[in-house]
Full PDB file with SEQRES, HELIX, SHEET, SSBOND, CRYST1, ORIGX, SCALE, CONECT and MASTER records, all heavy atoms in Angstrom:
SEQRES   1 A   36  HIS PRO ALA LEU ARG ILE THR GLU VAL PRO ILE THR PHE          
SEQRES   2 A   36  GLY ARG ARG LYS ALA GLY GLU SER LYS ARG LYS LEU VAL          
SEQRES   3 A   36  ARG PHE ALA PHE GLY TYR LEU GLU THR LEU                      
HELIX    1 AA1 LEU A   25  THR A   35  1                                  11    
CRYST1    1.000    1.000    1.000  90.00  90.00  90.00 P 1           1          
ORIGX1      1.000000  0.000000  0.000000        0.00000                         
ORIGX2      0.000000  1.000000  0.000000        0.00000                         
ORIGX3      0.000000  0.000000  1.000000        0.00000                         
SCALE1      1.000000  0.000000  0.000000        0.00000                         
SCALE2      0.000000  1.000000  0.000000        0.00000                         
SCALE3      0.000000  0.000000  1.000000        0.00000                         
ATOM      1  N   HIS A   1       0.881  -1.201   0.010  1.00  0.00           N  
ATOM      2  CA  HIS A   1      -0.003  -0.006  -0.034  1.00  0.00           C  
ATOM      3  C   HIS A   1       0.868   1.235   0.031  1.00  0.00           C  
ATOM      4  O   HIS A   1       1.158   1.812   1.080  1.00  0.00           O  
ATOM      5  CB  HIS A   1      -0.967   0.024   1.244  1.00  0.00           C  
ATOM      6  CG  HIS A   1      -1.734  -1.318   1.380  1.00  0.00           C  
ATOM      7  ND1 HIS A   1      -2.869  -1.496   0.658  1.00  0.00           N  
ATOM      8  CD2 HIS A   1      -1.513  -2.368   2.200  1.00  0.00           C  
ATOM      9  CE1 HIS A   1      -3.362  -2.720   1.072  1.00  0.00           C  
ATOM     10  NE2 HIS A   1      -2.535  -3.229   1.909  1.00  0.00           N  
ATOM     11  N   PRO A   2       1.338   1.632  -1.178  1.00  0.00           N  
ATOM     12  CA  PRO A   2       2.254   2.877  -1.233  1.00  0.00           C  
ATOM     13  C   PRO A   2       1.748   4.090  -0.542  1.00  0.00           C  
ATOM     14  O   PRO A   2       2.568   4.922  -0.109  1.00  0.00           O  
ATOM     15  CB  PRO A   2       2.377   3.069  -2.770  1.00  0.00           C  
ATOM     16  CG  PRO A   2       2.091   1.781  -3.325  1.00  0.00           C  
ATOM     17  CD  PRO A   2       1.013   1.190  -2.520  1.00  0.00           C  
ATOM     18  N   ALA A   3       0.391   4.289  -0.418  1.00  0.00           N  
ATOM     19  CA  ALA A   3      -0.140   5.466   0.166  1.00  0.00           C  
ATOM     20  C   ALA A   3      -0.481   5.192   1.638  1.00  0.00           C  
ATOM     21  O   ALA A   3      -1.282   5.944   2.250  1.00  0.00           O  
ATOM     22  CB  ALA A   3      -1.381   5.928  -0.549  1.00  0.00           C  
ATOM     23  N   LEU A   4       0.164   4.151   2.253  1.00  0.00           N  
ATOM     24  CA  LEU A   4      -0.114   3.804   3.612  1.00  0.00           C  
ATOM     25  C   LEU A   4       0.045   5.004   4.583  1.00  0.00           C  
ATOM     26  O   LEU A   4       1.020   5.685   4.465  1.00  0.00           O  
ATOM     27  CB  LEU A   4       0.859   2.668   4.014  1.00  0.00           C  
ATOM     28  CG  LEU A   4       0.719   2.117   5.452  1.00  0.00           C  
ATOM     29  CD1 LEU A   4      -0.536   1.145   5.418  1.00  0.00           C  
ATOM     30  CD2 LEU A   4       1.927   1.273   5.885  1.00  0.00           C  
ATOM     31  N   ARG A   5      -0.941   5.144   5.416  1.00  0.00           N  
ATOM     32  CA  ARG A   5      -0.920   6.226   6.383  1.00  0.00           C  
ATOM     33  C   ARG A   5      -0.630   5.725   7.757  1.00  0.00           C  
ATOM     34  O   ARG A   5      -1.361   4.932   8.282  1.00  0.00           O  
ATOM     35  CB  ARG A   5      -2.327   6.943   6.362  1.00  0.00           C  
ATOM     36  CG  ARG A   5      -2.666   7.562   5.024  1.00  0.00           C  
ATOM     37  CD  ARG A   5      -4.117   7.927   4.990  1.00  0.00           C  
ATOM     38  NE  ARG A   5      -4.991   6.822   5.346  1.00  0.00           N  
ATOM     39  CZ  ARG A   5      -6.305   6.931   5.540  1.00  0.00           C  
ATOM     40  NH1 ARG A   5      -6.945   8.095   5.505  1.00  0.00           N  
ATOM     41  NH2 ARG A   5      -7.030   5.788   5.856  1.00  0.00           N  
ATOM     42  N   ILE A   6       0.538   6.079   8.265  1.00  0.00           N  
ATOM     43  CA  ILE A   6       0.966   5.678   9.699  1.00  0.00           C  
ATOM     44  C   ILE A   6       1.086   6.906  10.544  1.00  0.00           C  
ATOM     45  O   ILE A   6       1.657   7.890  10.160  1.00  0.00           O  
ATOM     46  CB  ILE A   6       2.291   4.949   9.584  1.00  0.00           C  
ATOM     47  CG1 ILE A   6       2.191   3.675   8.707  1.00  0.00           C  
ATOM     48  CG2 ILE A   6       2.786   4.583  11.030  1.00  0.00           C  
ATOM     49  CD1 ILE A   6       3.539   2.909   8.559  1.00  0.00           C  
ATOM     50  N   THR A   7       0.657   6.792  11.763  1.00  0.00           N  
ATOM     51  CA  THR A   7       0.853   7.848  12.689  1.00  0.00           C  
ATOM     52  C   THR A   7       1.211   7.220  14.048  1.00  0.00           C  
ATOM     53  O   THR A   7       1.010   6.017  14.266  1.00  0.00           O  
ATOM     54  CB  THR A   7      -0.399   8.775  12.847  1.00  0.00           C  
ATOM     55  OG1 THR A   7      -0.050   9.971  13.543  1.00  0.00           O  
ATOM     56  CG2 THR A   7      -1.562   8.063  13.643  1.00  0.00           C  
ATOM     57  N   GLU A   8       1.684   8.097  14.950  1.00  0.00           N  
ATOM     58  CA  GLU A   8       2.098   7.602  16.246  1.00  0.00           C  
ATOM     59  C   GLU A   8       1.473   8.423  17.377  1.00  0.00           C  
ATOM     60  O   GLU A   8       1.347   9.662  17.204  1.00  0.00           O  
ATOM     61  CB  GLU A   8       3.631   7.578  16.405  1.00  0.00           C  
ATOM     62  CG  GLU A   8       4.352   6.594  15.576  1.00  0.00           C  
ATOM     63  CD  GLU A   8       5.823   6.720  15.678  1.00  0.00           C  
ATOM     64  OE1 GLU A   8       6.406   7.663  14.985  1.00  0.00           O  
ATOM     65  OE2 GLU A   8       6.453   5.964  16.381  1.00  0.00           O  
ATOM     66  N   VAL A   9       1.099   7.845  18.455  1.00  0.00           N  
ATOM     67  CA  VAL A   9       0.597   8.604  19.599  1.00  0.00           C  
ATOM     68  C   VAL A   9       1.550   8.220  20.814  1.00  0.00           C  
ATOM     69  O   VAL A   9       1.950   7.132  20.901  1.00  0.00           O  
ATOM     70  CB  VAL A   9      -0.845   8.321  19.957  1.00  0.00           C  
ATOM     71  CG1 VAL A   9      -1.744   8.704  18.789  1.00  0.00           C  
ATOM     72  CG2 VAL A   9      -1.041   6.813  20.301  1.00  0.00           C  
ATOM     73  N   PRO A  10       1.790   9.129  21.710  1.00  0.00           N  
ATOM     74  CA  PRO A  10       2.802   8.903  22.754  1.00  0.00           C  
ATOM     75  C   PRO A  10       2.148   7.972  23.849  1.00  0.00           C  
ATOM     76  O   PRO A  10       0.982   8.100  24.166  1.00  0.00           O  
ATOM     77  CB  PRO A  10       3.123  10.254  23.332  1.00  0.00           C  
ATOM     78  CG  PRO A  10       1.858  11.080  23.023  1.00  0.00           C  
ATOM     79  CD  PRO A  10       1.399  10.567  21.673  1.00  0.00           C  
ATOM     80  N   ILE A  11       2.972   7.012  24.347  1.00  0.00           N  
ATOM     81  CA  ILE A  11       2.577   6.171  25.434  1.00  0.00           C  
ATOM     82  C   ILE A  11       3.784   6.008  26.374  1.00  0.00           C  
ATOM     83  O   ILE A  11       4.860   6.347  26.046  1.00  0.00           O  
ATOM     84  CB  ILE A  11       2.185   4.702  24.925  1.00  0.00           C  
ATOM     85  CG1 ILE A  11       3.477   4.053  24.373  1.00  0.00           C  
ATOM     86  CG2 ILE A  11       1.032   4.774  23.959  1.00  0.00           C  
ATOM     87  CD1 ILE A  11       3.275   2.518  24.271  1.00  0.00           C  
ATOM     88  N   THR A  12       3.473   5.545  27.562  1.00  0.00           N  
ATOM     89  CA  THR A  12       4.448   5.092  28.527  1.00  0.00           C  
ATOM     90  C   THR A  12       4.520   3.588  28.491  1.00  0.00           C  
ATOM     91  O   THR A  12       3.440   2.952  28.776  1.00  0.00           O  
ATOM     92  CB  THR A  12       4.176   5.655  29.908  1.00  0.00           C  
ATOM     93  OG1 THR A  12       4.259   7.016  29.957  1.00  0.00           O  
ATOM     94  CG2 THR A  12       5.194   5.072  30.908  1.00  0.00           C  
ATOM     95  N   PHE A  13       5.601   3.007  28.030  1.00  0.00           N  
ATOM     96  CA  PHE A  13       5.790   1.628  28.084  1.00  0.00           C  
ATOM     97  C   PHE A  13       6.209   1.116  29.432  1.00  0.00           C  
ATOM     98  O   PHE A  13       7.342   1.418  29.834  1.00  0.00           O  
ATOM     99  CB  PHE A  13       6.805   1.249  27.005  1.00  0.00           C  
ATOM    100  CG  PHE A  13       6.999  -0.230  26.754  1.00  0.00           C  
ATOM    101  CD1 PHE A  13       6.262  -0.892  25.775  1.00  0.00           C  
ATOM    102  CD2 PHE A  13       7.882  -0.990  27.507  1.00  0.00           C  
ATOM    103  CE1 PHE A  13       6.364  -2.212  25.513  1.00  0.00           C  
ATOM    104  CE2 PHE A  13       8.027  -2.363  27.277  1.00  0.00           C  
ATOM    105  CZ  PHE A  13       7.240  -2.945  26.262  1.00  0.00           C  
ATOM    106  N   GLY A  14       5.329   0.456  30.130  1.00  0.00           N  
ATOM    107  CA  GLY A  14       5.623   0.092  31.509  1.00  0.00           C  
ATOM    108  C   GLY A  14       6.357  -1.221  31.666  1.00  0.00           C  
ATOM    109  O   GLY A  14       6.629  -1.911  30.701  1.00  0.00           O  
ATOM    110  N   ARG A  15       6.840  -1.383  32.897  1.00  0.00           N  
ATOM    111  CA  ARG A  15       7.531  -2.629  33.174  1.00  0.00           C  
ATOM    112  C   ARG A  15       6.551  -3.871  33.345  1.00  0.00           C  
ATOM    113  O   ARG A  15       5.377  -3.593  33.649  1.00  0.00           O  
ATOM    114  CB  ARG A  15       8.369  -2.466  34.541  1.00  0.00           C  
ATOM    115  CG  ARG A  15       9.538  -1.617  34.426  1.00  0.00           C  
ATOM    116  CD  ARG A  15      10.304  -1.628  35.689  1.00  0.00           C  
ATOM    117  NE  ARG A  15      11.504  -0.782  35.670  1.00  0.00           N  
ATOM    118  CZ  ARG A  15      12.697  -1.249  35.258  1.00  0.00           C  
ATOM    119  NH1 ARG A  15      12.757  -2.480  34.921  1.00  0.00           N  
ATOM    120  NH2 ARG A  15      13.765  -0.446  35.212  1.00  0.00           N  
ATOM    121  N   ARG A  16       7.048  -5.054  33.017  1.00  0.00           N  
ATOM    122  CA  ARG A  16       6.188  -6.177  33.228  1.00  0.00           C  
ATOM    123  C   ARG A  16       5.649  -6.230  34.622  1.00  0.00           C  
ATOM    124  O   ARG A  16       6.441  -5.965  35.568  1.00  0.00           O  
ATOM    125  CB  ARG A  16       7.071  -7.406  32.893  1.00  0.00           C  
ATOM    126  CG  ARG A  16       6.544  -8.717  33.416  1.00  0.00           C  
ATOM    127  CD  ARG A  16       7.408  -9.925  32.995  1.00  0.00           C  
ATOM    128  NE  ARG A  16       7.227 -10.196  31.531  1.00  0.00           N  
ATOM    129  CZ  ARG A  16       6.249 -10.951  31.117  1.00  0.00           C  
ATOM    130  NH1 ARG A  16       5.376 -11.460  31.924  1.00  0.00           N  
ATOM    131  NH2 ARG A  16       6.158 -11.138  29.846  1.00  0.00           N  
ATOM    132  N   LYS A  17       4.314  -6.546  34.751  1.00  0.00           N  
ATOM    133  CA  LYS A  17       3.744  -6.513  36.028  1.00  0.00           C  
ATOM    134  C   LYS A  17       4.017  -7.829  36.845  1.00  0.00           C  
ATOM    135  O   LYS A  17       4.100  -7.831  38.040  1.00  0.00           O  
ATOM    136  CB  LYS A  17       2.232  -6.300  35.843  1.00  0.00           C  
ATOM    137  CG  LYS A  17       1.808  -5.004  35.158  1.00  0.00           C  
ATOM    138  CD  LYS A  17       2.403  -3.827  35.943  1.00  0.00           C  
ATOM    139  CE  LYS A  17       1.997  -2.536  35.259  1.00  0.00           C  
ATOM    140  NZ  LYS A  17       2.786  -2.208  34.048  1.00  0.00           N  
ATOM    141  N   ALA A  18       4.100  -8.936  36.159  1.00  0.00           N  
ATOM    142  CA  ALA A  18       4.299 -10.269  36.807  1.00  0.00           C  
ATOM    143  C   ALA A  18       4.893 -11.175  35.851  1.00  0.00           C  
ATOM    144  O   ALA A  18       4.818 -11.002  34.613  1.00  0.00           O  
ATOM    145  CB  ALA A  18       3.003 -10.808  37.414  1.00  0.00           C  
ATOM    146  N   GLY A  19       5.551 -12.285  36.282  1.00  0.00           N  
ATOM    147  CA  GLY A  19       6.123 -13.339  35.431  1.00  0.00           C  
ATOM    148  C   GLY A  19       7.442 -12.933  34.814  1.00  0.00           C  
ATOM    149  O   GLY A  19       8.043 -11.870  35.156  1.00  0.00           O  
ATOM    150  N   GLU A  20       7.860 -13.765  33.877  1.00  0.00           N  
ATOM    151  CA  GLU A  20       9.154 -13.513  33.189  1.00  0.00           C  
ATOM    152  C   GLU A  20       9.004 -13.218  31.734  1.00  0.00           C  
ATOM    153  O   GLU A  20       8.036 -13.665  31.125  1.00  0.00           O  
ATOM    154  CB  GLU A  20      10.059 -14.733  33.382  1.00  0.00           C  
ATOM    155  CG  GLU A  20      10.378 -15.170  34.754  1.00  0.00           C  
ATOM    156  CD  GLU A  20      11.289 -16.352  34.895  1.00  0.00           C  
ATOM    157  OE1 GLU A  20      11.552 -16.912  33.830  1.00  0.00           O  
ATOM    158  OE2 GLU A  20      11.713 -16.725  35.979  1.00  0.00           O  
ATOM    159  N   SER A  21       9.945 -12.322  31.214  1.00  0.00           N  
ATOM    160  CA  SER A  21       9.820 -12.011  29.799  1.00  0.00           C  
ATOM    161  C   SER A  21      10.171 -13.210  28.950  1.00  0.00           C  
ATOM    162  O   SER A  21      10.974 -14.075  29.252  1.00  0.00           O  
ATOM    163  CB  SER A  21      10.927 -10.941  29.547  1.00  0.00           C  
ATOM    164  OG  SER A  21      10.928 -10.672  28.105  1.00  0.00           O  
ATOM    165  N   LYS A  22       9.425 -13.311  27.832  1.00  0.00           N  
ATOM    166  CA  LYS A  22       9.643 -14.392  26.854  1.00  0.00           C  
ATOM    167  C   LYS A  22      10.717 -14.004  25.805  1.00  0.00           C  
ATOM    168  O   LYS A  22      11.005 -14.808  24.915  1.00  0.00           O  
ATOM    169  CB  LYS A  22       8.356 -14.840  26.186  1.00  0.00           C  
ATOM    170  CG  LYS A  22       7.163 -14.976  27.171  1.00  0.00           C  
ATOM    171  CD  LYS A  22       7.491 -15.920  28.206  1.00  0.00           C  
ATOM    172  CE  LYS A  22       6.256 -16.226  29.123  1.00  0.00           C  
ATOM    173  NZ  LYS A  22       5.800 -15.043  29.893  1.00  0.00           N  
ATOM    174  N   ARG A  23      11.111 -12.786  25.754  1.00  0.00           N  
ATOM    175  CA  ARG A  23      12.105 -12.276  24.790  1.00  0.00           C  
ATOM    176  C   ARG A  23      13.502 -12.447  25.305  1.00  0.00           C  
ATOM    177  O   ARG A  23      13.887 -11.760  26.245  1.00  0.00           O  
ATOM    178  CB  ARG A  23      11.722 -10.766  24.525  1.00  0.00           C  
ATOM    179  CG  ARG A  23      12.546 -10.180  23.396  1.00  0.00           C  
ATOM    180  CD  ARG A  23      12.168  -8.794  23.028  1.00  0.00           C  
ATOM    181  NE  ARG A  23      10.773  -8.806  22.498  1.00  0.00           N  
ATOM    182  CZ  ARG A  23      10.265  -7.715  21.861  1.00  0.00           C  
ATOM    183  NH1 ARG A  23      10.931  -6.609  21.753  1.00  0.00           N  
ATOM    184  NH2 ARG A  23       9.023  -7.826  21.394  1.00  0.00           N  
ATOM    185  N   LYS A  24      14.234 -13.289  24.596  1.00  0.00           N  
ATOM    186  CA  LYS A  24      15.664 -13.457  24.972  1.00  0.00           C  
ATOM    187  C   LYS A  24      16.554 -12.545  24.189  1.00  0.00           C  
ATOM    188  O   LYS A  24      16.426 -12.427  22.967  1.00  0.00           O  
ATOM    189  CB  LYS A  24      16.072 -14.912  24.697  1.00  0.00           C  
ATOM    190  CG  LYS A  24      15.131 -15.941  25.389  1.00  0.00           C  
ATOM    191  CD  LYS A  24      15.060 -15.753  26.913  1.00  0.00           C  
ATOM    192  CE  LYS A  24      14.082 -16.802  27.544  1.00  0.00           C  
ATOM    193  NZ  LYS A  24      13.960 -16.563  28.966  1.00  0.00           N  
ATOM    194  N   LEU A  25      17.523 -11.912  24.815  1.00  0.00           N  
ATOM    195  CA  LEU A  25      18.285 -10.818  24.210  1.00  0.00           C  
ATOM    196  C   LEU A  25      19.066 -11.358  22.959  1.00  0.00           C  
ATOM    197  O   LEU A  25      19.109 -10.657  22.021  1.00  0.00           O  
ATOM    198  CB  LEU A  25      19.226 -10.190  25.315  1.00  0.00           C  
ATOM    199  CG  LEU A  25      18.514  -9.389  26.277  1.00  0.00           C  
ATOM    200  CD1 LEU A  25      19.628  -8.757  27.220  1.00  0.00           C  
ATOM    201  CD2 LEU A  25      17.739  -8.223  25.728  1.00  0.00           C  
ATOM    202  N   VAL A  26      19.782 -12.405  23.075  1.00  0.00           N  
ATOM    203  CA  VAL A  26      20.599 -12.947  21.941  1.00  0.00           C  
ATOM    204  C   VAL A  26      19.635 -13.227  20.743  1.00  0.00           C  
ATOM    205  O   VAL A  26      19.974 -12.875  19.626  1.00  0.00           O  
ATOM    206  CB  VAL A  26      21.449 -14.159  22.395  1.00  0.00           C  
ATOM    207  CG1 VAL A  26      22.159 -14.678  21.125  1.00  0.00           C  
ATOM    208  CG2 VAL A  26      22.430 -13.721  23.445  1.00  0.00           C  
ATOM    209  N   ARG A  27      18.585 -14.005  21.015  1.00  0.00           N  
ATOM    210  CA  ARG A  27      17.722 -14.384  19.947  1.00  0.00           C  
ATOM    211  C   ARG A  27      17.019 -13.121  19.431  1.00  0.00           C  
ATOM    212  O   ARG A  27      16.747 -13.013  18.195  1.00  0.00           O  
ATOM    213  CB  ARG A  27      16.607 -15.335  20.528  1.00  0.00           C  
ATOM    214  CG  ARG A  27      15.693 -15.928  19.548  1.00  0.00           C  
ATOM    215  CD  ARG A  27      14.789 -16.897  20.173  1.00  0.00           C  
ATOM    216  NE  ARG A  27      13.813 -17.431  19.219  1.00  0.00           N  
ATOM    217  CZ  ARG A  27      12.881 -18.204  19.489  1.00  0.00           C  
ATOM    218  NH1 ARG A  27      12.686 -18.629  20.751  1.00  0.00           N  
ATOM    219  NH2 ARG A  27      12.046 -18.739  18.582  1.00  0.00           N  
ATOM    220  N   PHE A  28      16.729 -12.189  20.277  1.00  0.00           N  
ATOM    221  CA  PHE A  28      16.133 -10.933  19.843  1.00  0.00           C  
ATOM    222  C   PHE A  28      16.984 -10.205  18.882  1.00  0.00           C  
ATOM    223  O   PHE A  28      16.557  -9.819  17.811  1.00  0.00           O  
ATOM    224  CB  PHE A  28      16.004 -10.079  21.157  1.00  0.00           C  
ATOM    225  CG  PHE A  28      15.547  -8.609  20.953  1.00  0.00           C  
ATOM    226  CD1 PHE A  28      14.231  -8.301  20.928  1.00  0.00           C  
ATOM    227  CD2 PHE A  28      16.530  -7.637  20.832  1.00  0.00           C  
ATOM    228  CE1 PHE A  28      13.826  -6.943  20.743  1.00  0.00           C  
ATOM    229  CE2 PHE A  28      16.092  -6.358  20.693  1.00  0.00           C  
ATOM    230  CZ  PHE A  28      14.733  -5.989  20.626  1.00  0.00           C  
ATOM    231  N   ALA A  29      18.338 -10.141  19.049  1.00  0.00           N  
ATOM    232  CA  ALA A  29      19.283  -9.454  18.259  1.00  0.00           C  
ATOM    233  C   ALA A  29      19.431 -10.118  16.871  1.00  0.00           C  
ATOM    234  O   ALA A  29      19.306  -9.596  15.815  1.00  0.00           O  
ATOM    235  CB  ALA A  29      20.590  -9.288  18.885  1.00  0.00           C  
ATOM    236  N   PHE A  30      19.671 -11.545  17.010  1.00  0.00           N  
ATOM    237  CA  PHE A  30      19.941 -12.242  15.734  1.00  0.00           C  
ATOM    238  C   PHE A  30      18.662 -12.399  14.904  1.00  0.00           C  
ATOM    239  O   PHE A  30      18.670 -12.454  13.713  1.00  0.00           O  
ATOM    240  CB  PHE A  30      20.534 -13.626  16.012  1.00  0.00           C  
ATOM    241  CG  PHE A  30      21.949 -13.554  16.342  1.00  0.00           C  
ATOM    242  CD1 PHE A  30      22.391 -13.626  17.642  1.00  0.00           C  
ATOM    243  CD2 PHE A  30      22.876 -13.447  15.317  1.00  0.00           C  
ATOM    244  CE1 PHE A  30      23.745 -13.540  18.015  1.00  0.00           C  
ATOM    245  CE2 PHE A  30      24.191 -13.350  15.619  1.00  0.00           C  
ATOM    246  CZ  PHE A  30      24.711 -13.395  16.929  1.00  0.00           C  
ATOM    247  N   GLY A  31      17.467 -12.425  15.501  1.00  0.00           N  
ATOM    248  CA  GLY A  31      16.222 -12.520  14.779  1.00  0.00           C  
ATOM    249  C   GLY A  31      16.065 -11.231  13.899  1.00  0.00           C  
ATOM    250  O   GLY A  31      15.629 -11.386  12.776  1.00  0.00           O  
ATOM    251  N   TYR A  32      16.406 -10.091  14.361  1.00  0.00           N  
ATOM    252  CA  TYR A  32      16.259  -8.889  13.617  1.00  0.00           C  
ATOM    253  C   TYR A  32      17.339  -8.901  12.429  1.00  0.00           C  
ATOM    254  O   TYR A  32      17.065  -8.349  11.367  1.00  0.00           O  
ATOM    255  CB  TYR A  32      16.461  -7.580  14.488  1.00  0.00           C  
ATOM    256  CG  TYR A  32      15.208  -7.356  15.272  1.00  0.00           C  
ATOM    257  CD1 TYR A  32      15.268  -7.242  16.633  1.00  0.00           C  
ATOM    258  CD2 TYR A  32      13.973  -7.161  14.697  1.00  0.00           C  
ATOM    259  CE1 TYR A  32      14.087  -7.009  17.334  1.00  0.00           C  
ATOM    260  CE2 TYR A  32      12.865  -6.874  15.402  1.00  0.00           C  
ATOM    261  CZ  TYR A  32      12.981  -6.883  16.741  1.00  0.00           C  
ATOM    262  OH  TYR A  32      11.776  -6.602  17.469  1.00  0.00           O  
ATOM    263  N   LEU A  33      18.520  -9.391  12.644  1.00  0.00           N  
ATOM    264  CA  LEU A  33      19.535  -9.464  11.524  1.00  0.00           C  
ATOM    265  C   LEU A  33      19.002 -10.363  10.434  1.00  0.00           C  
ATOM    266  O   LEU A  33      19.085  -9.981   9.256  1.00  0.00           O  
ATOM    267  CB  LEU A  33      20.830  -9.989  12.107  1.00  0.00           C  
ATOM    268  CG  LEU A  33      21.588  -9.074  13.070  1.00  0.00           C  
ATOM    269  CD1 LEU A  33      22.773  -9.783  13.592  1.00  0.00           C  
ATOM    270  CD2 LEU A  33      21.979  -7.823  12.368  1.00  0.00           C  
ATOM    271  N   GLU A  34      18.476 -11.479  10.809  1.00  0.00           N  
ATOM    272  CA  GLU A  34      17.913 -12.395   9.827  1.00  0.00           C  
ATOM    273  C   GLU A  34      16.708 -11.774   9.038  1.00  0.00           C  
ATOM    274  O   GLU A  34      16.538 -11.895   7.819  1.00  0.00           O  
ATOM    275  CB  GLU A  34      17.493 -13.754  10.436  1.00  0.00           C  
ATOM    276  CG  GLU A  34      18.633 -14.540  11.036  1.00  0.00           C  
ATOM    277  CD  GLU A  34      18.180 -15.702  11.815  1.00  0.00           C  
ATOM    278  OE1 GLU A  34      16.919 -15.913  11.898  1.00  0.00           O  
ATOM    279  OE2 GLU A  34      19.082 -16.439  12.302  1.00  0.00           O  
ATOM    280  N   THR A  35      15.760 -11.179   9.798  1.00  0.00           N  
ATOM    281  CA  THR A  35      14.706 -10.447   9.122  1.00  0.00           C  
ATOM    282  C   THR A  35      15.066  -9.378   8.282  1.00  0.00           C  
ATOM    283  O   THR A  35      14.509  -9.160   7.181  1.00  0.00           O  
ATOM    284  CB  THR A  35      13.759 -10.009  10.323  1.00  0.00           C  
ATOM    285  OG1 THR A  35      13.272 -11.002  11.117  1.00  0.00           O  
ATOM    286  CG2 THR A  35      12.577  -9.192   9.691  1.00  0.00           C  
ATOM    287  N   LEU A  36      16.071  -8.576   8.717  1.00  0.00           N  
ATOM    288  CA  LEU A  36      16.527  -7.502   7.865  1.00  0.00           C  
ATOM    289  C   LEU A  36      17.000  -7.995   6.503  1.00  0.00           C  
ATOM    290  O   LEU A  36      16.723  -7.477   5.544  1.00  0.00           O  
ATOM    291  CB  LEU A  36      17.748  -6.774   8.533  1.00  0.00           C  
ATOM    292  CG  LEU A  36      18.364  -5.573   7.774  1.00  0.00           C  
ATOM    293  CD1 LEU A  36      17.333  -4.496   7.620  1.00  0.00           C  
ATOM    294  CD2 LEU A  36      19.538  -5.135   8.577  1.00  0.00           C  
TER     295      LEU A  36                                                      
MASTER        0    0    0    1    0    0    0    6  294    1    0    3          
END                                                                             
């Protein structure tokens, strides 16, 4: 969609309230390299 309309509104991204994150830092980084 070349005419795609994207906007942003400000939020506060809070800390996890309970439990453990499922996002692993090493996998997080290499996943983006592969996707790129």
